[in-house]
Amino acid sequence: MFRIGFGTDVHRLVADRKLFLGGVEIPHSTGLLGHSDADVLIHAICDALLGAAALGDIGKHFPDTSAQFEGIDSKILLRRTTDLLHEHGYVIVNVDATVCAQRPRLAPYIDAMRATLAPLMDISIEATSVKATTTERLGFEGREEGISAQAVALIQSSIPY
């Protein structure tokens, strides 16, 4: 049995924060504001995976009201999400994600993001797609007020029916 999930996330850009996308630190003058490290790409992927398995969303499993997750590295959240899927009898088949940001230019970091994300999901780099786009200076991303990400995930039941 195959299942598809969709995830999205948005965070505001602010001064005095590091910018993490796909588990990779990106040199930039601003970073994303959030309870964790605010990695919108990983958060969107977690929501896509959780949604595919009908297990709720990232806020249910890693609430931003919990001191346990304050400042946490989002790579830990993705690994825990993968483990949760395995506990429920699912394996990840592939993930396709897009980051929307006017700046910084993300193309030089895409391969590093894929290499970071794939092992956290127990899938190959070839099954891990990350893309980046601008919004042609439209909307909050175009005004460089924030960054958004969307992800689609395909999972498969590892339990024979």
Protein backbone atom coordinates (compact mmCIF):
# COMPACT_ATOMS: atom_id res chain seq x y z
CA MET A 1 0.00 0.00 0.00
CA PHE A 2 1.32 3.42 -0.99
CA ARG A 3 0.37 6.71 0.65
CA ILE A 4 1.12 10.33 -0.32
CA GLY A 5 1.54 13.27 2.05
CA PHE A 6 1.97 17.01 1.60
CA GLY A 7 3.69 19.43 3.95
CA THR A 8 4.33 23.15 4.05
CA ASP A 9 6.09 25.51 6.43
CA VAL A 10 6.89 29.22 6.70
CA HIS A 11 9.24 31.15 8.96
CA ARG A 12 10.13 34.83 9.24
CA LEU A 13 13.68 36.03 8.47
CA VAL A 14 15.32 38.02 11.29
CA ALA A 15 18.74 39.39 12.20
CA ASP A 16 21.01 37.55 14.63
CA ARG A 17 19.90 34.04 13.67
CA LYS A 18 21.72 31.41 11.64
CA LEU A 19 20.00 30.18 8.49
CA PHE A 20 19.47 26.41 8.27
CA LEU A 21 17.80 24.78 5.28
CA GLY A 22 17.72 21.04 4.73
CA GLY A 23 20.02 20.59 7.71
CA VAL A 24 22.73 22.74 6.12
CA GLU A 25 23.90 26.08 7.49
CA ILE A 26 23.67 28.67 4.72
CA PRO A 27 25.75 31.85 5.03
CA HIS A 28 23.32 34.79 5.01
CA SER A 29 22.74 38.11 6.75
CA THR A 30 19.52 36.83 8.38
CA GLY A 31 18.15 33.54 9.68
CA LEU A 32 14.77 32.01 10.32
CA LEU A 33 12.89 32.70 13.54
CA GLY A 34 11.32 29.76 15.33
CA HIS A 35 11.18 27.66 18.49
CA SER A 36 13.64 25.17 17.00
CA ASP A 37 16.33 26.05 14.46
CA ALA A 38 13.37 26.95 12.17
CA ASP A 39 14.51 24.82 9.23
CA VAL A 40 11.43 25.26 7.00
CA LEU A 41 12.56 22.59 4.56
CA ILE A 42 12.87 19.87 7.19
CA HIS A 43 9.63 20.97 8.83
CA ALA A 44 7.73 20.71 5.53
CA ILE A 45 9.23 17.25 4.93
CA CYS A 46 8.25 16.09 8.43
CA ASP A 47 4.67 17.26 7.85
CA ALA A 48 4.53 15.49 4.48
CA LEU A 49 5.74 12.24 6.03
CA LEU A 50 3.44 12.46 9.05
CA GLY A 51 0.51 13.35 6.81
CA ALA A 52 1.15 10.41 4.52
CA ALA A 53 0.94 8.09 7.52
CA ALA A 54 -2.08 9.97 8.97
CA LEU A 55 -0.10 10.62 12.15
CA GLY A 56 -0.93 14.30 12.54
CA ASP A 57 1.57 17.09 12.05
CA ILE A 58 4.90 18.32 13.35
CA GLY A 59 3.20 20.45 16.04
CA LYS A 60 1.49 17.38 17.49
CA HIS A 61 4.74 15.44 17.87
CA PHE A 62 7.18 18.30 18.52
CA PRO A 63 5.14 21.18 20.02
CA ASP A 64 6.63 24.66 20.04
CA THR A 65 5.29 25.03 23.59
CA SER A 66 7.71 22.38 24.88
CA ALA A 67 11.08 23.38 26.33
CA GLN A 68 12.33 19.97 25.13
CA PHE A 69 12.30 21.23 21.53
CA GLU A 70 13.52 24.78 22.10
CA GLY A 71 16.50 25.42 19.82
CA ILE A 72 16.54 21.77 18.68
CA ASP A 73 18.34 20.81 15.49
CA SER A 74 15.59 19.95 13.01
CA LYS A 75 17.64 17.02 11.73
CA ILE A 76 16.76 15.33 15.03
CA LEU A 77 13.06 15.94 14.34
CA LEU A 78 13.34 14.37 10.88
CA ARG A 79 15.15 11.32 12.26
CA ARG A 80 12.46 10.93 14.94
CA THR A 81 9.76 11.30 12.29
CA THR A 82 11.40 8.54 10.22
CA ASP A 83 11.59 6.31 13.29
CA LEU A 84 7.91 6.99 14.04
CA LEU A 85 6.94 5.95 10.52
CA HIS A 86 8.97 2.75 10.89
CA GLU A 87 7.21 2.03 14.21
CA HIS A 88 3.89 2.30 12.36
CA GLY A 89 4.98 -0.06 9.59
CA TYR A 90 5.95 2.42 6.87
CA VAL A 91 9.08 3.04 4.85
CA ILE A 92 9.78 6.20 2.89
CA VAL A 93 9.90 5.75 -0.87
CA ASN A 94 10.80 9.29 -1.94
CA VAL A 95 10.48 12.96 -1.07
CA ASP A 96 10.24 15.97 -3.39
CA ALA A 97 10.57 19.42 -1.82
CA THR A 98 10.82 23.06 -2.91
CA VAL A 99 12.18 26.03 -0.98
CA CYS A 100 10.86 29.50 -1.90
CA ALA A 101 13.33 32.29 -1.12
CA GLN A 102 14.39 35.42 -2.94
CA ARG A 103 17.81 35.29 -1.34
CA PRO A 104 20.23 33.70 -0.67
CA ARG A 105 20.86 31.79 -3.86
CA LEU A 106 20.41 28.14 -2.85
CA ALA A 107 21.62 26.21 -5.91
CA PRO A 108 25.17 25.79 -4.51
CA TYR A 109 23.74 24.06 -1.40
CA ILE A 110 21.17 21.70 -2.93
CA ASP A 111 23.51 18.68 -3.17
CA ALA A 112 24.61 19.14 0.46
CA MET A 113 20.96 19.33 1.55
CA ARG A 114 20.11 16.12 -0.30
CA ALA A 115 23.16 14.37 1.17
CA THR A 116 22.15 15.50 4.66
CA LEU A 117 18.45 14.63 4.37
CA ALA A 118 18.61 11.21 2.66
CA PRO A 119 20.26 9.22 5.48
CA LEU A 120 17.91 10.79 8.04
CA MET A 121 15.02 9.23 6.09
CA ASP A 122 16.80 5.94 5.29
CA ILE A 123 16.50 6.58 1.56
CA SER A 124 18.99 7.21 -1.23
CA ILE A 125 20.03 10.62 -2.46
CA GLU A 126 18.36 9.69 -5.75
CA ALA A 127 15.04 9.42 -3.86
CA THR A 128 15.56 12.82 -2.22
CA SER A 129 14.65 15.81 -4.39
CA VAL A 130 15.26 19.38 -3.24
CA LYS A 131 14.60 22.37 -5.47
CA ALA A 132 14.74 26.11 -4.91
CA THR A 133 12.86 28.96 -6.52
CA THR A 134 12.30 32.66 -6.08
CA THR A 135 8.92 34.32 -6.21
CA GLU A 136 10.10 37.00 -8.65
CA ARG A 137 10.07 39.53 -5.78
CA LEU A 138 6.37 38.86 -5.10
CA GLY A 139 4.92 38.16 -1.65
CA PHE A 140 6.71 37.87 1.68
CA GLU A 141 9.43 35.65 0.18
CA GLY A 142 10.04 38.16 -2.60
CA ARG A 143 10.28 41.00 -0.08
CA GLU A 144 12.79 38.84 1.86
CA GLU A 145 10.59 38.82 4.96
CA GLY A 146 10.55 35.02 5.20
CA ILE A 147 11.14 31.69 3.52
CA SER A 148 8.64 28.92 2.79
CA ALA A 149 8.96 25.29 1.80
CA GLN A 150 6.62 22.64 0.45
CA ALA A 151 7.16 18.88 0.30
CA VAL A 152 5.47 15.80 -1.06
CA ALA A 153 6.31 12.35 0.30
CA LEU A 154 5.49 8.86 -0.88
CA ILE A 155 5.56 6.12 1.75
CA GLN A 156 4.85 2.41 1.55
CA SER A 157 3.54 -0.02 4.13
CA SER A 158 6.25 -2.47 5.12
CA ILE A 159 3.56 -4.80 6.49
CA PRO A 160 2.14 -7.20 3.91
CA TYR A 161 -1.66 -7.16 3.65
